[in-house]
Amino acid sequence: SEAKAKLASSDARVRRGAVGELAGVGGAEAWKLVLGALRDPDAQVADEAQLHLALVSEPPLRALLLGKDGLEA
């Protein structure tokens, strides 16, 4: 998807925007990409990912994000 491609941009602003787009899309694949953005070298991109991850309330997605494929990794 376009948002996934934006995560590879050299521009941190574009990557930060991609995190927001992916969070808006939702779903397991999108949230895994948002999780990966926590490791972004730019602090603002990683902060954006943290803010969106904190808002996840659906039990299946929370389990994914908090499990071995997510924050427990």
Protein backbone atom coordinates (compact mmCIF):
# COMPACT_ATOMS: atom_id res chain seq x y z
CA SER A 1 0.00 0.00 0.00
CA GLU A 2 0.98 3.62 -0.34
CA ALA A 3 1.28 4.18 3.42
CA LYS A 4 3.59 1.18 3.74
CA ALA A 5 5.84 2.60 1.03
CA LYS A 6 5.93 5.96 2.81
CA LEU A 7 7.50 4.29 5.86
CA ALA A 8 10.64 3.82 3.77
CA SER A 9 10.89 7.52 2.90
CA SER A 10 14.03 9.44 3.81
CA ASP A 11 11.78 12.27 5.02
CA ALA A 12 10.75 11.81 8.66
CA ARG A 13 7.63 13.93 8.14
CA VAL A 14 6.45 11.53 5.46
CA ARG A 15 7.14 8.53 7.71
CA ARG A 16 5.26 10.19 10.59
CA GLY A 17 2.28 10.77 8.31
CA ALA A 18 2.41 7.16 7.18
CA VAL A 19 2.11 6.01 10.79
CA GLY A 20 -1.09 8.02 11.14
CA GLU A 21 -2.45 6.64 7.87
CA LEU A 22 -1.73 3.06 8.91
CA ALA A 23 -3.36 3.58 12.29
CA GLY A 24 -6.42 4.88 10.46
CA VAL A 25 -6.52 1.80 8.26
CA GLY A 26 -6.27 -0.54 11.24
CA GLY A 27 -6.03 -4.30 10.99
CA ALA A 28 -3.25 -6.61 12.06
CA GLU A 29 -0.89 -5.89 9.15
CA ALA A 30 -1.19 -2.12 9.53
CA TRP A 31 -0.64 -2.30 13.30
CA LYS A 32 2.45 -4.46 12.84
CA LEU A 33 3.88 -1.72 10.63
CA VAL A 34 3.02 0.89 13.27
CA LEU A 35 4.83 -1.29 15.82
CA GLY A 36 7.86 -1.32 13.56
CA ALA A 37 7.80 2.48 13.51
CA LEU A 38 8.69 2.44 17.21
CA ARG A 39 12.23 1.66 16.03
CA ASP A 40 12.39 4.63 13.66
CA PRO A 41 15.60 6.65 14.09
CA ASP A 42 13.57 9.87 14.22
CA ALA A 43 12.04 10.39 17.66
CA GLN A 44 8.95 12.14 16.28
CA VAL A 45 8.08 9.16 14.10
CA ALA A 46 8.50 6.76 17.02
CA ASP A 47 6.46 9.09 19.25
CA GLU A 48 3.66 9.14 16.68
CA ALA A 49 3.61 5.35 16.72
CA GLN A 50 3.45 5.31 20.52
CA LEU A 51 0.52 7.72 20.56
CA HIS A 52 -1.48 5.62 18.12
CA LEU A 53 -0.65 2.33 19.81
CA ALA A 54 -1.89 3.72 23.11
CA LEU A 55 -5.34 4.21 21.57
CA VAL A 56 -5.86 0.59 20.49
CA SER A 57 -8.78 -0.80 22.44
CA GLU A 58 -9.98 -3.82 20.45
CA PRO A 59 -9.07 -6.97 22.43
CA PRO A 60 -7.71 -9.00 19.47
CA LEU A 61 -5.49 -6.11 18.36
CA ARG A 62 -4.34 -5.40 21.92
CA ALA A 63 -3.36 -9.06 22.24
CA LEU A 64 -1.35 -8.80 19.01
CA LEU A 65 0.33 -5.55 20.03
CA LEU A 66 1.17 -6.71 23.53
CA GLY A 67 2.16 -10.25 22.56
CA LYS A 68 5.30 -11.87 21.20
CA ASP A 69 4.86 -10.26 17.77
CA GLY A 70 4.46 -6.87 19.40
CA LEU A 71 5.81 -5.11 22.45
CA GLU A 72 6.84 -8.34 24.15
CA ALA A 73 9.27 -9.10 21.31
